[in-house]
């Protein structure tokens, strides 16, 4: 096309036409830029309008477990009873093994050992260790029927089952079920942190025979503060949790002493900066006096 001939034909209006053309081009460029289109000058080309930004789907809300408080512990343990034994960390198993060793070292010297297992749960971690021993009388107490059902399944047909007494009962009422001075060992294994209030140690100590022992294990209070929720899987597959209560070893020692029990041994489980749990053994004054080499000696150790 001969642009000179076109301009001559337009005469004096050629400048206006050229100016209008430039304006149109600039408007088109601006419009294309605003829409995010690709612009090419050689050759002149305006690209397709890009697809609009996809609205990001909101991330799925994290599933929060149903949280129970310790005053509703029965409902929590009832919900997780079938899956209770799935939660076995290295430190948790080490705690159970420490408790088992405490029972064994006492039972060797005492045939027909009588054990009162308070809050025994499914029994798989401690009671079943003795399930082929027919010379142990095991009295099991738990307030959760679901846990009792699991215990019975674990011990069915074993010699220990023939010497097993089961009470579906609150620990605070166990003195109404068990005769005074009838037990050689009272076991509170990872129980106290699930109770709103500590039990009456005087009532429990009264159930011990002369020379008996009380074995208590629980979570280090510093660990509880750092990890307050005990999370597990319920029977329906949902995650549930219970906010546990910190148990202070010093308070346990004080309450035991008020119940005329004396600390003979305490150990801690876990090599991390904050240990996982503690195991404490208390004995009646009769047992301690027989072990004392001379007045003023103390056999209590912290390992």
C-alpha atoms as a PDB file:
ATOM      1  CA  UNK A   1       0.000   0.000   0.000  1.00  0.00           C
ATOM      2  CA  UNK A   2       1.298   3.496  -0.967  1.00  0.00           C
ATOM      3  CA  UNK A   3       0.838   5.492   2.309  1.00  0.00           C
ATOM      4  CA  UNK A   4       2.057   8.707   0.574  1.00  0.00           C
ATOM      5  CA  UNK A   5      -0.859   8.558  -1.881  1.00  0.00           C
ATOM      6  CA  UNK A   6      -3.271   7.941   0.995  1.00  0.00           C
ATOM      7  CA  UNK A   7      -1.984  10.980   2.882  1.00  0.00           C
ATOM      8  CA  UNK A   8      -2.223  13.162  -0.282  1.00  0.00           C
ATOM      9  CA  UNK A   9      -5.814  12.045  -0.759  1.00  0.00           C
ATOM     10  CA  UNK A  10      -6.714  12.942   2.831  1.00  0.00           C
ATOM     11  CA  UNK A  11      -5.193  16.355   2.504  1.00  0.00           C
ATOM     12  CA  UNK A  12      -5.415  18.530   5.623  1.00  0.00           C
ATOM     13  CA  UNK A  13      -7.287  15.875   7.636  1.00  0.00           C
ATOM     14  CA  UNK A  14      -4.418  13.396   7.355  1.00  0.00           C
ATOM     15  CA  UNK A  15      -2.895  14.531  10.680  1.00  0.00           C
ATOM     16  CA  UNK A  16      -6.158  13.952  12.555  1.00  0.00           C
ATOM     17  CA  UNK A  17      -6.582  10.506  11.043  1.00  0.00           C
ATOM     18  CA  UNK A  18      -3.013   9.529  11.945  1.00  0.00           C
ATOM     19  CA  UNK A  19      -3.446  10.847  15.467  1.00  0.00           C
ATOM     20  CA  UNK A  20      -6.707   8.926  15.902  1.00  0.00           C
ATOM     21  CA  UNK A  21      -5.063   5.764  14.662  1.00  0.00           C
ATOM     22  CA  UNK A  22      -2.269   6.123  17.208  1.00  0.00           C
ATOM     23  CA  UNK A  23      -4.805   6.645  19.993  1.00  0.00           C
ATOM     24  CA  UNK A  24      -6.701   3.524  18.975  1.00  0.00           C
ATOM     25  CA  UNK A  25      -3.505   1.482  18.950  1.00  0.00           C
ATOM     26  CA  UNK A  26      -2.514   2.769  22.389  1.00  0.00           C
ATOM     27  CA  UNK A  27      -5.982   2.000  23.781  1.00  0.00           C
ATOM     28  CA  UNK A  28      -5.792  -1.531  22.357  1.00  0.00           C
ATOM     29  CA  UNK A  29      -2.338  -2.042  23.867  1.00  0.00           C
ATOM     30  CA  UNK A  30      -3.485  -0.752  27.262  1.00  0.00           C
ATOM     31  CA  UNK A  31      -6.612  -2.935  27.175  1.00  0.00           C
ATOM     32  CA  UNK A  32      -4.586  -6.002  26.195  1.00  0.00           C
ATOM     33  CA  UNK A  33      -2.056  -5.291  28.965  1.00  0.00           C
ATOM     34  CA  UNK A  34      -4.786  -5.007  31.600  1.00  0.00           C
ATOM     35  CA  UNK A  35      -6.207  -8.367  30.547  1.00  0.00           C
ATOM     36  CA  UNK A  36      -2.819  -9.994  30.654  1.00  0.00           C
ATOM     37  CA  UNK A  37      -2.722 -10.767  26.940  1.00  0.00           C
ATOM     38  CA  UNK A  38       0.549 -11.353  25.091  1.00  0.00           C
ATOM     39  CA  UNK A  39       1.510  -8.340  22.919  1.00  0.00           C
ATOM     40  CA  UNK A  40       3.773  -8.638  19.877  1.00  0.00           C
ATOM     41  CA  UNK A  41       4.827  -5.666  17.696  1.00  0.00           C
ATOM     42  CA  UNK A  42       6.620  -7.489  14.879  1.00  0.00           C
ATOM     43  CA  UNK A  43       4.331  -8.677  13.487  1.00  0.00           C
ATOM     44  CA  UNK A  44       1.602  -6.800  15.371  1.00  0.00           C
ATOM     45  CA  UNK A  45      -0.398  -9.305  17.407  1.00  0.00           C
ATOM     46  CA  UNK A  46      -2.473  -9.441  20.570  1.00  0.00           C
ATOM     47  CA  UNK A  47      -2.644 -12.903  22.124  1.00  0.00           C
ATOM     48  CA  UNK A  48      -5.492 -14.759  23.753  1.00  0.00           C
ATOM     49  CA  UNK A  49      -6.717 -13.713  27.159  1.00  0.00           C
ATOM     50  CA  UNK A  50      -5.147 -16.022  29.751  1.00  0.00           C
ATOM     51  CA  UNK A  51      -7.368 -18.086  31.970  1.00  0.00           C
ATOM     52  CA  UNK A  52      -8.228 -16.353  35.191  1.00  0.00           C
ATOM     53  CA  UNK A  53      -6.416 -17.397  38.341  1.00  0.00           C
ATOM     54  CA  UNK A  54      -7.899 -20.496  39.884  1.00  0.00           C
ATOM     55  CA  UNK A  55      -9.280 -19.873  43.303  1.00  0.00           C
ATOM     56  CA  UNK A  56      -7.331 -22.060  45.645  1.00  0.00           C
ATOM     57  CA  UNK A  57      -9.402 -24.626  47.441  1.00  0.00           C
ATOM     58  CA  UNK A  58      -9.317 -24.010  51.157  1.00  0.00           C
ATOM     59  CA  UNK A  59      -7.099 -26.544  52.875  1.00  0.00           C
ATOM     60  CA  UNK A  60      -9.094 -29.225  54.627  1.00  0.00           C
ATOM     61  CA  UNK A  61      -9.625 -28.402  58.237  1.00  0.00           C
ATOM     62  CA  UNK A  62      -7.316 -30.503  60.375  1.00  0.00           C
ATOM     63  CA  UNK A  63      -9.263 -33.149  62.184  1.00  0.00           C
ATOM     64  CA  UNK A  64      -9.284 -32.283  65.839  1.00  0.00           C
ATOM     65  CA  UNK A  65      -9.680 -35.219  68.202  1.00  0.00           C
ATOM     66  CA  UNK A  66     -12.568 -35.314  70.591  1.00  0.00           C
ATOM     67  CA  UNK A  67     -10.903 -34.291  73.846  1.00  0.00           C
ATOM     68  CA  UNK A  68     -11.972 -35.789  77.171  1.00  0.00           C
ATOM     69  CA  UNK A  69     -11.078 -34.499  80.613  1.00  0.00           C
ATOM     70  CA  UNK A  70      -9.968 -36.834  83.393  1.00  0.00           C
ATOM     71  CA  UNK A  71     -13.333 -36.581  85.129  1.00  0.00           C
ATOM     72  CA  UNK A  72     -14.742 -38.375  82.063  1.00  0.00           C
ATOM     73  CA  UNK A  73     -11.949 -40.933  81.820  1.00  0.00           C
ATOM     74  CA  UNK A  74     -14.370 -43.866  81.849  1.00  0.00           C
ATOM     75  CA  UNK A  75     -15.903 -42.734  78.550  1.00  0.00           C
ATOM     76  CA  UNK A  76     -12.451 -42.183  77.032  1.00  0.00           C
ATOM     77  CA  UNK A  77     -11.137 -45.618  77.961  1.00  0.00           C
ATOM     78  CA  UNK A  78     -14.394 -47.227  76.913  1.00  0.00           C
ATOM     79  CA  UNK A  79     -13.989 -45.645  73.478  1.00  0.00           C
ATOM     80  CA  UNK A  80     -10.409 -46.831  72.974  1.00  0.00           C
ATOM     81  CA  UNK A  81     -10.539 -50.226  74.749  1.00  0.00           C
ATOM     82  CA  UNK A  82     -10.289 -52.374  71.567  1.00  0.00           C
ATOM     83  CA  UNK A  83      -7.287 -50.330  70.364  1.00  0.00           C
ATOM     84  CA  UNK A  84      -5.727 -49.570  73.739  1.00  0.00           C
ATOM     85  CA  UNK A  85      -2.664 -51.761  73.231  1.00  0.00           C
ATOM     86  CA  UNK A  86      -1.757 -50.211  69.866  1.00  0.00           C
ATOM     87  CA  UNK A  87      -0.103 -47.285  71.632  1.00  0.00           C
ATOM     88  CA  UNK A  88       3.121 -48.913  72.818  1.00  0.00           C
ATOM     89  CA  UNK A  89       6.093 -46.594  72.496  1.00  0.00           C
ATOM     90  CA  UNK A  90       9.584 -47.647  73.549  1.00  0.00           C
ATOM     91  CA  UNK A  91       9.353 -45.674  76.794  1.00  0.00           C
ATOM     92  CA  UNK A  92       5.886 -46.967  77.557  1.00  0.00           C
ATOM     93  CA  UNK A  93       7.030 -50.562  77.153  1.00  0.00           C
ATOM     94  CA  UNK A  94      10.108 -49.823  79.260  1.00  0.00           C
ATOM     95  CA  UNK A  95       7.843 -48.557  82.037  1.00  0.00           C
ATOM     96  CA  UNK A  96       5.778 -51.751  81.975  1.00  0.00           C
ATOM     97  CA  UNK A  97       8.935 -53.886  82.030  1.00  0.00           C
ATOM     98  CA  UNK A  98      10.248 -51.970  85.036  1.00  0.00           C
ATOM     99  CA  UNK A  99       6.989 -52.630  86.872  1.00  0.00           C
ATOM    100  CA  UNK A 100       7.114 -56.330  85.935  1.00  0.00           C
ATOM    101  CA  UNK A 101      10.657 -56.610  87.307  1.00  0.00           C
ATOM    102  CA  UNK A 102       9.477 -55.089  90.601  1.00  0.00           C
ATOM    103  CA  UNK A 103       6.733 -57.692  90.884  1.00  0.00           C
ATOM    104  CA  UNK A 104       9.079 -60.533  89.966  1.00  0.00           C
ATOM    105  CA  UNK A 105      11.784 -59.617  92.435  1.00  0.00           C
ATOM    106  CA  UNK A 106       9.235 -59.680  95.249  1.00  0.00           C
ATOM    107  CA  UNK A 107       7.385 -62.763  94.006  1.00  0.00           C
ATOM    108  CA  UNK A 108      10.472 -64.981  93.894  1.00  0.00           C
ATOM    109  CA  UNK A 109      10.670 -64.930  97.665  1.00  0.00           C
ATOM    110  CA  UNK A 110       6.922 -65.179  98.172  1.00  0.00           C
ATOM    111  CA  UNK A 111       5.054 -68.099  96.577  1.00  0.00           C
ATOM    112  CA  UNK A 112       1.351 -67.543  96.200  1.00  0.00           C
ATOM    113  CA  UNK A 113       1.886 -63.840  95.626  1.00  0.00           C
ATOM    114  CA  UNK A 114      -1.302 -61.777  95.934  1.00  0.00           C
ATOM    115  CA  UNK A 115      -1.453 -58.797  93.583  1.00  0.00           C
ATOM    116  CA  UNK A 116      -4.099 -56.082  93.609  1.00  0.00           C
ATOM    117  CA  UNK A 117      -3.996 -54.469  90.163  1.00  0.00           C
ATOM    118  CA  UNK A 118      -5.808 -51.120  90.343  1.00  0.00           C
ATOM    119  CA  UNK A 119      -6.839 -49.663  86.992  1.00  0.00           C
ATOM    120  CA  UNK A 120      -5.407 -52.724  85.252  1.00  0.00           C
ATOM    121  CA  UNK A 121      -6.669 -51.813  81.767  1.00  0.00           C
ATOM    122  CA  UNK A 122      -6.501 -54.640  79.237  1.00  0.00           C
ATOM    123  CA  UNK A 123      -3.883 -56.475  81.285  1.00  0.00           C
ATOM    124  CA  UNK A 124      -1.799 -57.143  78.196  1.00  0.00           C
ATOM    125  CA  UNK A 125       1.246 -55.173  79.280  1.00  0.00           C
ATOM    126  CA  UNK A 126       1.670 -56.465  82.845  1.00  0.00           C
ATOM    127  CA  UNK A 127      -0.855 -59.113  83.916  1.00  0.00           C
ATOM    128  CA  UNK A 128      -0.356 -61.310  80.858  1.00  0.00           C
ATOM    129  CA  UNK A 129       3.355 -61.538  81.663  1.00  0.00           C
ATOM    130  CA  UNK A 130       2.292 -63.830  84.515  1.00  0.00           C
ATOM    131  CA  UNK A 131      -0.564 -65.617  82.725  1.00  0.00           C
ATOM    132  CA  UNK A 132       1.135 -69.030  82.788  1.00  0.00           C
ATOM    133  CA  UNK A 133       1.914 -68.865  86.491  1.00  0.00           C
ATOM    134  CA  UNK A 134      -0.716 -70.587  88.555  1.00  0.00           C
ATOM    135  CA  UNK A 135       0.824 -69.645  91.903  1.00  0.00           C
ATOM    136  CA  UNK A 136      -0.164 -65.970  91.708  1.00  0.00           C
ATOM    137  CA  UNK A 137      -3.531 -64.666  92.880  1.00  0.00           C
ATOM    138  CA  UNK A 138      -4.409 -61.607  90.810  1.00  0.00           C
ATOM    139  CA  UNK A 139      -7.196 -59.230  91.855  1.00  0.00           C
ATOM    140  CA  UNK A 140      -8.030 -56.895  89.000  1.00  0.00           C
ATOM    141  CA  UNK A 141      -9.978 -53.646  89.414  1.00  0.00           C
ATOM    142  CA  UNK A 142     -11.061 -51.327  86.606  1.00  0.00           C
ATOM    143  CA  UNK A 143     -14.093 -49.112  86.235  1.00  0.00           C
ATOM    144  CA  UNK A 144     -14.378 -49.625  82.451  1.00  0.00           C
ATOM    145  CA  UNK A 145     -16.310 -52.714  81.275  1.00  0.00           C
ATOM    146  CA  UNK A 146     -14.618 -52.503  77.869  1.00  0.00           C
ATOM    147  CA  UNK A 147     -11.210 -52.918  79.490  1.00  0.00           C
ATOM    148  CA  UNK A 148     -12.463 -55.875  81.540  1.00  0.00           C
ATOM    149  CA  UNK A 149     -13.650 -57.561  78.358  1.00  0.00           C
ATOM    150  CA  UNK A 150     -10.198 -57.163  76.797  1.00  0.00           C
ATOM    151  CA  UNK A 151      -8.541 -58.577  79.915  1.00  0.00           C
ATOM    152  CA  UNK A 152     -10.739 -61.647  79.883  1.00  0.00           C
ATOM    153  CA  UNK A 153      -9.919 -62.281  76.238  1.00  0.00           C
ATOM    154  CA  UNK A 154      -6.178 -62.028  76.938  1.00  0.00           C
ATOM    155  CA  UNK A 155      -6.216 -64.397  79.913  1.00  0.00           C
ATOM    156  CA  UNK A 156      -8.857 -66.899  78.807  1.00  0.00           C
ATOM    157  CA  UNK A 157      -7.697 -70.471  79.339  1.00  0.00           C
ATOM    158  CA  UNK A 158      -4.449 -69.522  81.080  1.00  0.00           C
ATOM    159  CA  UNK A 159      -3.507 -70.710  84.584  1.00  0.00           C
ATOM    160  CA  UNK A 160      -3.596 -67.168  85.965  1.00  0.00           C
ATOM    161  CA  UNK A 161      -7.242 -66.898  84.898  1.00  0.00           C
ATOM    162  CA  UNK A 162      -8.091 -69.609  87.425  1.00  0.00           C
ATOM    163  CA  UNK A 163      -6.721 -67.360  90.167  1.00  0.00           C
ATOM    164  CA  UNK A 164      -8.179 -64.114  88.898  1.00  0.00           C
ATOM    165  CA  UNK A 165     -10.773 -62.002  90.665  1.00  0.00           C
ATOM    166  CA  UNK A 166     -12.302 -59.201  88.625  1.00  0.00           C
ATOM    167  CA  UNK A 167     -14.057 -56.160  90.049  1.00  0.00           C
ATOM    168  CA  UNK A 168     -15.642 -53.535  87.804  1.00  0.00           C
ATOM    169  CA  UNK A 169     -15.238 -50.768  90.322  1.00  0.00           C
ATOM    170  CA  UNK A 170     -13.858 -47.308  91.008  1.00  0.00           C
ATOM    171  CA  UNK A 171     -10.447 -47.348  92.698  1.00  0.00           C
ATOM    172  CA  UNK A 172     -11.828 -45.099  95.433  1.00  0.00           C
ATOM    173  CA  UNK A 173     -14.273 -47.866  96.396  1.00  0.00           C
ATOM    174  CA  UNK A 174     -11.918 -50.820  96.221  1.00  0.00           C
ATOM    175  CA  UNK A 175     -11.704 -51.016 100.019  1.00  0.00           C
ATOM    176  CA  UNK A 176     -15.346 -52.122  99.954  1.00  0.00           C
ATOM    177  CA  UNK A 177     -14.436 -55.089  97.731  1.00  0.00           C
ATOM    178  CA  UNK A 178     -11.084 -56.254  99.105  1.00  0.00           C
ATOM    179  CA  UNK A 179     -10.360 -57.467 102.625  1.00  0.00           C
ATOM    180  CA  UNK A 180      -7.884 -55.537 104.803  1.00  0.00           C
ATOM    181  CA  UNK A 181      -4.300 -56.838 104.891  1.00  0.00           C
ATOM    182  CA  UNK A 182      -5.058 -59.340 102.114  1.00  0.00           C
ATOM    183  CA  UNK A 183      -2.612 -58.199  99.410  1.00  0.00           C
ATOM    184  CA  UNK A 184       1.147 -58.506  99.023  1.00  0.00           C
ATOM    185  CA  UNK A 185       1.393 -55.970  96.185  1.00  0.00           C
ATOM    186  CA  UNK A 186      -0.820 -53.048  95.252  1.00  0.00           C
ATOM    187  CA  UNK A 187      -0.160 -51.921  91.708  1.00  0.00           C
ATOM    188  CA  UNK A 188      -1.004 -48.487  90.295  1.00  0.00           C
ATOM    189  CA  UNK A 189       0.557 -48.640  86.851  1.00  0.00           C
ATOM    190  CA  UNK A 190       0.067 -45.442  84.801  1.00  0.00           C
ATOM    191  CA  UNK A 191      -3.242 -44.801  86.512  1.00  0.00           C
ATOM    192  CA  UNK A 192      -2.996 -41.697  88.686  1.00  0.00           C
ATOM    193  CA  UNK A 193      -2.587 -39.264  85.777  1.00  0.00           C
ATOM    194  CA  UNK A 194      -6.043 -40.349  84.565  1.00  0.00           C
ATOM    195  CA  UNK A 195      -7.747 -39.559  87.892  1.00  0.00           C
ATOM    196  CA  UNK A 196      -9.210 -36.167  88.838  1.00  0.00           C
ATOM    197  CA  UNK A 197      -7.943 -36.617  92.419  1.00  0.00           C
ATOM    198  CA  UNK A 198      -5.399 -38.922  93.966  1.00  0.00           C
ATOM    199  CA  UNK A 199      -6.909 -41.844  95.886  1.00  0.00           C
ATOM    200  CA  UNK A 200      -6.837 -42.174  99.652  1.00  0.00           C
ATOM    201  CA  UNK A 201      -3.469 -43.817 100.272  1.00  0.00           C
ATOM    202  CA  UNK A 202      -4.423 -44.731 103.836  1.00  0.00           C
ATOM    203  CA  UNK A 203      -7.314 -46.859 102.605  1.00  0.00           C
ATOM    204  CA  UNK A 204      -5.090 -48.515 100.038  1.00  0.00           C
ATOM    205  CA  UNK A 205      -2.261 -49.142 102.501  1.00  0.00           C
ATOM    206  CA  UNK A 206      -4.738 -50.835 104.838  1.00  0.00           C
ATOM    207  CA  UNK A 207      -5.250 -53.527 102.180  1.00  0.00           C
ATOM    208  CA  UNK A 208      -1.561 -54.509 102.283  1.00  0.00           C
ATOM    209  CA  UNK A 209      -0.458 -57.488 104.331  1.00  0.00           C
ATOM    210  CA  UNK A 210       2.477 -56.941 106.700  1.00  0.00           C
ATOM    211  CA  UNK A 211       5.613 -56.605 104.604  1.00  0.00           C
ATOM    212  CA  UNK A 212       3.612 -55.702 101.499  1.00  0.00           C
ATOM    213  CA  UNK A 213       4.560 -53.258  98.777  1.00  0.00           C
ATOM    214  CA  UNK A 214       2.844 -50.576  96.748  1.00  0.00           C
ATOM    215  CA  UNK A 215       4.257 -50.093  93.242  1.00  0.00           C
ATOM    216  CA  UNK A 216       3.356 -46.846  91.502  1.00  0.00           C
ATOM    217  CA  UNK A 217       4.368 -45.809  88.000  1.00  0.00           C
ATOM    218  CA  UNK A 218       3.299 -42.710  86.137  1.00  0.00           C
ATOM    219  CA  UNK A 219       4.353 -40.077  83.640  1.00  0.00           C
ATOM    220  CA  UNK A 220       6.993 -37.528  84.579  1.00  0.00           C
ATOM    221  CA  UNK A 221       5.052 -34.282  85.284  1.00  0.00           C
ATOM    222  CA  UNK A 222       7.413 -32.289  83.033  1.00  0.00           C
ATOM    223  CA  UNK A 223       6.613 -34.693  80.200  1.00  0.00           C
ATOM    224  CA  UNK A 224       2.896 -34.319  80.943  1.00  0.00           C
ATOM    225  CA  UNK A 225       3.147 -30.525  80.733  1.00  0.00           C
ATOM    226  CA  UNK A 226       4.950 -30.835  77.395  1.00  0.00           C
ATOM    227  CA  UNK A 227       2.544 -33.503  76.059  1.00  0.00           C
ATOM    228  CA  UNK A 228      -0.739 -33.108  77.942  1.00  0.00           C
ATOM    229  CA  UNK A 229      -2.948 -35.032  75.506  1.00  0.00           C
ATOM    230  CA  UNK A 230      -3.067 -38.813  75.514  1.00  0.00           C
ATOM    231  CA  UNK A 231      -4.212 -39.467  71.932  1.00  0.00           C
ATOM    232  CA  UNK A 232      -5.544 -42.815  70.744  1.00  0.00           C
ATOM    233  CA  UNK A 233      -7.824 -44.351  68.145  1.00  0.00           C
ATOM    234  CA  UNK A 234     -11.387 -45.126  69.134  1.00  0.00           C
ATOM    235  CA  UNK A 235     -13.209 -48.290  68.078  1.00  0.00           C
ATOM    236  CA  UNK A 236     -14.871 -46.370  65.214  1.00  0.00           C
ATOM    237  CA  UNK A 237     -11.480 -45.270  63.840  1.00  0.00           C
ATOM    238  CA  UNK A 238     -11.773 -41.656  65.001  1.00  0.00           C
ATOM    239  CA  UNK A 239      -8.998 -39.937  66.938  1.00  0.00           C
ATOM    240  CA  UNK A 240      -9.810 -39.129  70.550  1.00  0.00           C
ATOM    241  CA  UNK A 241      -7.671 -37.714  73.329  1.00  0.00           C
ATOM    242  CA  UNK A 242      -7.699 -37.215  77.059  1.00  0.00           C
ATOM    243  CA  UNK A 243      -6.054 -34.294  78.814  1.00  0.00           C
ATOM    244  CA  UNK A 244      -4.002 -36.048  81.480  1.00  0.00           C
ATOM    245  CA  UNK A 245      -3.174 -34.690  84.902  1.00  0.00           C
ATOM    246  CA  UNK A 246       0.409 -34.155  86.030  1.00  0.00           C
ATOM    247  CA  UNK A 247       1.405 -36.430  88.917  1.00  0.00           C
ATOM    248  CA  UNK A 248       4.087 -35.041  91.224  1.00  0.00           C
ATOM    249  CA  UNK A 249       6.409 -37.737  92.640  1.00  0.00           C
ATOM    250  CA  UNK A 250       7.013 -35.675  95.771  1.00  0.00           C
ATOM    251  CA  UNK A 251       3.294 -35.549  96.481  1.00  0.00           C
ATOM    252  CA  UNK A 252       3.096 -39.314  95.995  1.00  0.00           C
ATOM    253  CA  UNK A 253       5.932 -39.809  98.480  1.00  0.00           C
ATOM    254  CA  UNK A 254       4.281 -37.474 100.991  1.00  0.00           C
ATOM    255  CA  UNK A 255       0.899 -39.197 100.766  1.00  0.00           C
ATOM    256  CA  UNK A 256       2.499 -42.620 101.060  1.00  0.00           C
ATOM    257  CA  UNK A 257       4.439 -41.537 104.120  1.00  0.00           C
ATOM    258  CA  UNK A 258       1.229 -40.247 105.697  1.00  0.00           C
ATOM    259  CA  UNK A 259      -0.193 -43.719 105.073  1.00  0.00           C
ATOM    260  CA  UNK A 260       2.788 -45.205 106.963  1.00  0.00           C
ATOM    261  CA  UNK A 261       4.484 -46.436 103.802  1.00  0.00           C
ATOM    262  CA  UNK A 262       8.100 -45.611 103.131  1.00  0.00           C
ATOM    263  CA  UNK A 263       9.875 -45.157  99.830  1.00  0.00           C
ATOM    264  CA  UNK A 264      12.321 -47.996  99.166  1.00  0.00           C
ATOM    265  CA  UNK A 265      13.202 -47.336  95.533  1.00  0.00           C
ATOM    266  CA  UNK A 266      12.485 -44.897  92.712  1.00  0.00           C
ATOM    267  CA  UNK A 267      13.708 -45.045  89.121  1.00  0.00           C
ATOM    268  CA  UNK A 268      13.094 -42.972  86.017  1.00  0.00           C
ATOM    269  CA  UNK A 269      12.421 -44.185  82.486  1.00  0.00           C
ATOM    270  CA  UNK A 270      13.724 -42.470  79.364  1.00  0.00           C
ATOM    271  CA  UNK A 271      17.117 -41.091  78.458  1.00  0.00           C
ATOM    272  CA  UNK A 272      15.912 -37.822  76.915  1.00  0.00           C
ATOM    273  CA  UNK A 273      16.362 -34.427  78.559  1.00  0.00           C
ATOM    274  CA  UNK A 274      12.881 -34.864  80.044  1.00  0.00           C
ATOM    275  CA  UNK A 275      12.453 -38.429  81.247  1.00  0.00           C
ATOM    276  CA  UNK A 276       9.245 -40.200  80.285  1.00  0.00           C
ATOM    277  CA  UNK A 277       8.066 -41.774  83.539  1.00  0.00           C
ATOM    278  CA  UNK A 278       8.966 -42.826  87.050  1.00  0.00           C
ATOM    279  CA  UNK A 279       8.459 -46.027  89.027  1.00  0.00           C
ATOM    280  CA  UNK A 280       8.300 -45.835  92.825  1.00  0.00           C
ATOM    281  CA  UNK A 281       8.168 -48.718  95.303  1.00  0.00           C
ATOM    282  CA  UNK A 282       6.822 -48.221  98.816  1.00  0.00           C
ATOM    283  CA  UNK A 283       6.986 -50.720 101.642  1.00  0.00           C
ATOM    284  CA  UNK A 284       5.325 -51.119 104.975  1.00  0.00           C
ATOM    285  CA  UNK A 285       7.362 -50.218 107.997  1.00  0.00           C
ATOM    286  CA  UNK A 286       7.633 -53.889 108.939  1.00  0.00           C
ATOM    287  CA  UNK A 287       9.377 -54.724 105.669  1.00  0.00           C
ATOM    288  CA  UNK A 288      11.721 -51.752 105.851  1.00  0.00           C
ATOM    289  CA  UNK A 289      12.755 -52.438 109.434  1.00  0.00           C
ATOM    290  CA  UNK A 290      13.775 -55.971 108.457  1.00  0.00           C
ATOM    291  CA  UNK A 291      16.040 -54.571 105.709  1.00  0.00           C
ATOM    292  CA  UNK A 292      17.708 -51.808 107.736  1.00  0.00           C
ATOM    293  CA  UNK A 293      21.277 -52.576 108.695  1.00  0.00           C
ATOM    294  CA  UNK A 294      21.415 -50.087 111.523  1.00  0.00           C
ATOM    295  CA  UNK A 295      19.254 -47.272 112.892  1.00  0.00           C
ATOM    296  CA  UNK A 296      19.078 -44.332 110.538  1.00  0.00           C
ATOM    297  CA  UNK A 297      19.962 -46.310 107.411  1.00  0.00           C
ATOM    298  CA  UNK A 298      17.748 -45.710 104.392  1.00  0.00           C
ATOM    299  CA  UNK A 299      17.420 -48.126 101.498  1.00  0.00           C
ATOM    300  CA  UNK A 300      15.571 -45.715  99.263  1.00  0.00           C
ATOM    301  CA  UNK A 301      17.439 -45.102  96.038  1.00  0.00           C
ATOM    302  CA  UNK A 302      16.897 -42.856  93.040  1.00  0.00           C
ATOM    303  CA  UNK A 303      18.262 -44.416  89.872  1.00  0.00           C
END
